[in-house]
Amino acid sequence: MTVPLAGVGIGTLYRNFPAREALAEAAAEHRFAEMLAFARTQAGGTVRADATTADVYLIVCALAAVIRNAAGDWRRFIEIILNGLGS
């Protein structure tokens, strides 16, 4: 399903992503970069200049852990994180 959506052949896919994990990692990296760009656009430039896609990955993983483990108020967690991302 990914190959037709990307508009490439299966050979191209396997040359660039020899393992399923590599494809998933590249897709996640792309999505996190989009999320960071969106946040910067929506925040009117008030997102920290040093925020990276790796930071977004950490935030998403931490949020998933908070929710999965019922480790607290996830809304409060997001509020704290968003305040920390401000410039």
N, C-alpha and C. Protein backbone atom coordinates (compact mmCIF):
# COMPACT_ATOMS: atom_id res chain seq x y z
N MET A 1 0.81 -1.20 0.00
CA MET A 1 0.00 0.00 0.00
C MET A 1 0.86 1.27 0.00
N THR A 2 1.99 1.26 0.68
CA THR A 2 2.86 2.43 0.73
C THR A 2 3.43 2.76 -0.64
N VAL A 3 3.81 1.73 -1.39
CA VAL A 3 4.45 1.94 -2.69
C VAL A 3 3.54 2.71 -3.65
N PRO A 4 2.28 2.32 -3.85
CA PRO A 4 1.43 3.10 -4.76
C PRO A 4 1.20 4.53 -4.26
N LEU A 5 1.06 4.71 -2.97
CA LEU A 5 0.85 6.05 -2.43
C LEU A 5 2.06 6.94 -2.67
N ALA A 6 3.25 6.37 -2.57
CA ALA A 6 4.48 7.14 -2.75
C ALA A 6 4.80 7.35 -4.23
N GLY A 7 4.19 6.56 -5.09
CA GLY A 7 4.45 6.71 -6.52
C GLY A 7 5.80 6.17 -6.95
N VAL A 8 6.32 5.19 -6.22
CA VAL A 8 7.60 4.58 -6.56
C VAL A 8 7.42 3.07 -6.72
N GLY A 9 8.41 2.44 -7.32
CA GLY A 9 8.37 0.99 -7.49
C GLY A 9 8.84 0.29 -6.24
N ILE A 10 8.52 -0.99 -6.14
CA ILE A 10 8.89 -1.78 -4.97
C ILE A 10 10.41 -1.87 -4.83
N GLY A 11 11.13 -1.91 -5.98
CA GLY A 11 12.60 -1.95 -5.93
C GLY A 11 13.17 -0.71 -5.29
N THR A 12 12.62 0.44 -5.64
CA THR A 12 13.07 1.71 -5.04
C THR A 12 12.83 1.69 -3.54
N LEU A 13 11.69 1.19 -3.14
CA LEU A 13 11.37 1.12 -1.72
C LEU A 13 12.41 0.28 -0.97
N TYR A 14 12.70 -0.92 -1.49
CA TYR A 14 13.64 -1.80 -0.80
C TYR A 14 15.08 -1.30 -0.87
N ARG A 15 15.45 -0.57 -1.92
CA ARG A 15 16.80 0.00 -1.98
C ARG A 15 16.99 1.06 -0.89
N ASN A 16 15.96 1.83 -0.65
CA ASN A 16 16.06 2.90 0.34
C ASN A 16 15.73 2.46 1.75
N PHE A 17 14.90 1.44 1.87
CA PHE A 17 14.47 0.97 3.19
C PHE A 17 14.54 -0.56 3.21
N PRO A 18 15.72 -1.12 3.50
CA PRO A 18 15.88 -2.57 3.45
C PRO A 18 15.07 -3.32 4.51
N ALA A 19 14.67 -2.63 5.54
CA ALA A 19 13.88 -3.27 6.60
C ALA A 19 12.65 -2.41 6.89
N ARG A 20 11.62 -3.06 7.33
CA ARG A 20 10.37 -2.38 7.66
C ARG A 20 10.59 -1.30 8.72
N GLU A 21 11.49 -1.58 9.66
CA GLU A 21 11.78 -0.62 10.73
C GLU A 21 12.36 0.68 10.17
N ALA A 22 13.21 0.56 9.15
CA ALA A 22 13.81 1.75 8.55
C ALA A 22 12.75 2.62 7.88
N LEU A 23 11.79 1.98 7.23
CA LEU A 23 10.70 2.72 6.60
C LEU A 23 9.84 3.41 7.66
N ALA A 24 9.52 2.68 8.73
CA ALA A 24 8.71 3.26 9.81
C ALA A 24 9.43 4.44 10.46
N GLU A 25 10.74 4.30 10.66
CA GLU A 25 11.52 5.39 11.27
C GLU A 25 11.54 6.62 10.37
N ALA A 26 11.72 6.41 9.08
CA ALA A 26 11.73 7.54 8.14
C ALA A 26 10.36 8.22 8.09
N ALA A 27 9.31 7.43 8.10
CA ALA A 27 7.96 7.99 8.08
C ALA A 27 7.69 8.79 9.35
N ALA A 28 8.12 8.26 10.49
CA ALA A 28 7.93 8.96 11.76
C ALA A 28 8.72 10.27 11.77
N GLU A 29 9.96 10.22 11.31
CA GLU A 29 10.80 11.42 11.25
C GLU A 29 10.14 12.50 10.39
N HIS A 30 9.59 12.07 9.27
CA HIS A 30 8.90 13.02 8.38
C HIS A 30 7.68 13.63 9.07
N ARG A 31 6.89 12.80 9.74
CA ARG A 31 5.69 13.28 10.42
C ARG A 31 6.04 14.22 11.56
N PHE A 32 7.08 13.89 12.34
CA PHE A 32 7.48 14.75 13.45
C PHE A 32 7.98 16.10 12.93
N ALA A 33 8.67 16.10 11.80
CA ALA A 33 9.12 17.36 11.20
C ALA A 33 7.92 18.20 10.79
N GLU A 34 6.90 17.54 10.23
CA GLU A 34 5.67 18.26 9.87
C GLU A 34 4.99 18.84 11.10
N MET A 35 4.95 18.06 12.18
CA MET A 35 4.31 18.53 13.41
C MET A 35 5.04 19.74 13.98
N LEU A 36 6.37 19.72 13.94
CA LEU A 36 7.15 20.84 14.46
C LEU A 36 6.94 22.08 13.59
N ALA A 37 6.94 21.89 12.28
CA ALA A 37 6.70 23.03 11.37
C ALA A 37 5.30 23.61 11.60
N PHE A 38 4.32 22.75 11.79
CA PHE A 38 2.95 23.20 12.05
C PHE A 38 2.89 23.98 13.36
N ALA A 39 3.54 23.46 14.39
CA ALA A 39 3.54 24.14 15.69
C ALA A 39 4.17 25.52 15.57
N ARG A 40 5.27 25.61 14.84
CA ARG A 40 5.92 26.91 14.66
C ARG A 40 5.02 27.88 13.91
N THR A 41 4.33 27.39 12.91
CA THR A 41 3.42 28.24 12.13
C THR A 41 2.25 28.70 12.98
N GLN A 42 1.63 27.78 13.70
CA GLN A 42 0.46 28.11 14.50
C GLN A 42 0.81 28.99 15.70
N ALA A 43 2.03 28.86 16.20
CA ALA A 43 2.44 29.63 17.38
C ALA A 43 2.97 31.01 17.01
N GLY A 44 3.00 31.31 15.74
CA GLY A 44 3.46 32.63 15.32
C GLY A 44 4.90 32.91 15.68
N GLY A 45 5.73 31.89 15.57
CA GLY A 45 7.15 32.07 15.85
C GLY A 45 7.51 32.02 17.32
N THR A 46 6.62 31.56 18.16
CA THR A 46 6.92 31.54 19.59
C THR A 46 7.41 30.18 20.08
N VAL A 47 7.65 29.25 19.15
CA VAL A 47 8.24 27.96 19.52
C VAL A 47 9.75 28.13 19.57
N ARG A 48 10.37 27.56 20.56
CA ARG A 48 11.82 27.67 20.73
C ARG A 48 12.54 27.37 19.43
N ALA A 49 13.52 28.17 19.12
CA ALA A 49 14.28 27.99 17.89
C ALA A 49 15.10 26.70 17.91
N ASP A 50 15.45 26.23 19.10
CA ASP A 50 16.28 25.02 19.19
C ASP A 50 15.46 23.74 19.28
N ALA A 51 14.14 23.83 19.16
CA ALA A 51 13.29 22.63 19.17
C ALA A 51 13.54 21.83 17.89
N THR A 52 13.69 20.51 18.04
CA THR A 52 14.00 19.64 16.90
C THR A 52 12.95 18.55 16.76
N THR A 53 13.05 17.82 15.65
CA THR A 53 12.13 16.69 15.46
C THR A 53 12.38 15.62 16.52
N ALA A 54 13.61 15.51 17.00
CA ALA A 54 13.90 14.56 18.07
C ALA A 54 13.14 14.94 19.34
N ASP A 55 13.01 16.24 19.59
CA ASP A 55 12.24 16.71 20.74
C ASP A 55 10.77 16.31 20.60
N VAL A 56 10.23 16.45 19.39
CA VAL A 56 8.84 16.07 19.15
C VAL A 56 8.67 14.58 19.40
N TYR A 57 9.62 13.78 18.94
CA TYR A 57 9.58 12.34 19.17
C TYR A 57 9.54 12.03 20.67
N LEU A 58 10.39 12.68 21.43
CA LEU A 58 10.42 12.46 22.88
C LEU A 58 9.09 12.84 23.52
N ILE A 59 8.53 13.95 23.08
CA ILE A 59 7.26 14.41 23.64
C ILE A 59 6.14 13.42 23.35
N VAL A 60 6.07 12.96 22.11
CA VAL A 60 5.03 12.00 21.72
C VAL A 60 5.18 10.70 22.51
N CYS A 61 6.41 10.22 22.64
CA CYS A 61 6.64 8.98 23.42
C CYS A 61 6.27 9.17 24.89
N ALA A 62 6.65 10.30 25.44
CA ALA A 62 6.33 10.56 26.84
C ALA A 62 4.83 10.69 27.06
N LEU A 63 4.16 11.36 26.15
CA LEU A 63 2.71 11.49 26.25
C LEU A 63 2.04 10.13 26.16
N ALA A 64 2.50 9.30 25.24
CA ALA A 64 1.94 7.94 25.12
C ALA A 64 2.13 7.16 26.41
N ALA A 65 3.29 7.30 27.04
CA ALA A 65 3.55 6.60 28.30
C ALA A 65 2.65 7.11 29.41
N VAL A 66 2.45 8.41 29.49
CA VAL A 66 1.57 8.98 30.51
C VAL A 66 0.16 8.43 30.35
N ILE A 67 -0.32 8.41 29.11
CA ILE A 67 -1.68 7.93 28.85
C ILE A 67 -1.78 6.43 29.09
N ARG A 68 -0.84 5.66 28.53
CA ARG A 68 -0.87 4.20 28.62
C ARG A 68 -0.81 3.72 30.08
N ASN A 69 0.00 4.39 30.88
CA ASN A 69 0.19 3.95 32.27
C ASN A 69 -0.70 4.68 33.26
N ALA A 70 -1.60 5.51 32.75
CA ALA A 70 -2.46 6.32 33.62
C ALA A 70 -1.60 6.98 34.71
N ALA A 71 -0.50 7.60 34.26
CA ALA A 71 0.49 8.14 35.18
C ALA A 71 0.23 9.59 35.57
N GLY A 72 -0.95 10.06 35.31
CA GLY A 72 -1.26 11.44 35.67
C GLY A 72 -2.18 12.07 34.66
N ASP A 73 -2.39 13.34 34.83
CA ASP A 73 -3.29 14.10 33.97
C ASP A 73 -2.57 14.46 32.67
N TRP A 74 -2.91 13.79 31.58
CA TRP A 74 -2.22 14.03 30.31
C TRP A 74 -2.44 15.44 29.80
N ARG A 75 -3.58 16.04 30.14
CA ARG A 75 -3.81 17.43 29.72
C ARG A 75 -2.82 18.38 30.41
N ARG A 76 -2.56 18.14 31.67
CA ARG A 76 -1.58 18.95 32.41
C ARG A 76 -0.19 18.73 31.84
N PHE A 77 0.12 17.49 31.48
CA PHE A 77 1.40 17.18 30.88
C PHE A 77 1.60 17.98 29.60
N ILE A 78 0.59 18.00 28.74
CA ILE A 78 0.68 18.75 27.49
C ILE A 78 0.85 20.24 27.77
N GLU A 79 0.12 20.75 28.76
CA GLU A 79 0.24 22.17 29.10
C GLU A 79 1.66 22.52 29.51
N ILE A 80 2.26 21.68 30.33
CA ILE A 80 3.63 21.90 30.79
C ILE A 80 4.60 21.84 29.61
N ILE A 81 4.42 20.84 28.75
CA ILE A 81 5.30 20.69 27.58
C ILE A 81 5.17 21.89 26.65
N LEU A 82 3.96 22.30 26.37
CA LEU A 82 3.77 23.44 25.46
C LEU A 82 4.36 24.72 26.04
N ASN A 83 4.25 24.91 27.35
CA ASN A 83 4.89 26.07 27.97
C ASN A 83 6.40 26.00 27.83
N GLY A 84 6.95 24.79 27.94
CA GLY A 84 8.39 24.61 27.81
C GLY A 84 8.88 24.83 26.38
N LEU A 85 8.01 24.61 25.40
CA LEU A 85 8.40 24.79 24.01
C LEU A 85 8.34 26.26 23.58
N GLY A 86 7.71 27.07 24.41
CA GLY A 86 7.62 28.49 24.07
C GLY A 86 8.98 29.16 24.11
N SER A 87 9.09 30.20 23.31
CA SER A 87 10.39 30.89 23.28
C SER A 87 10.42 32.02 24.29
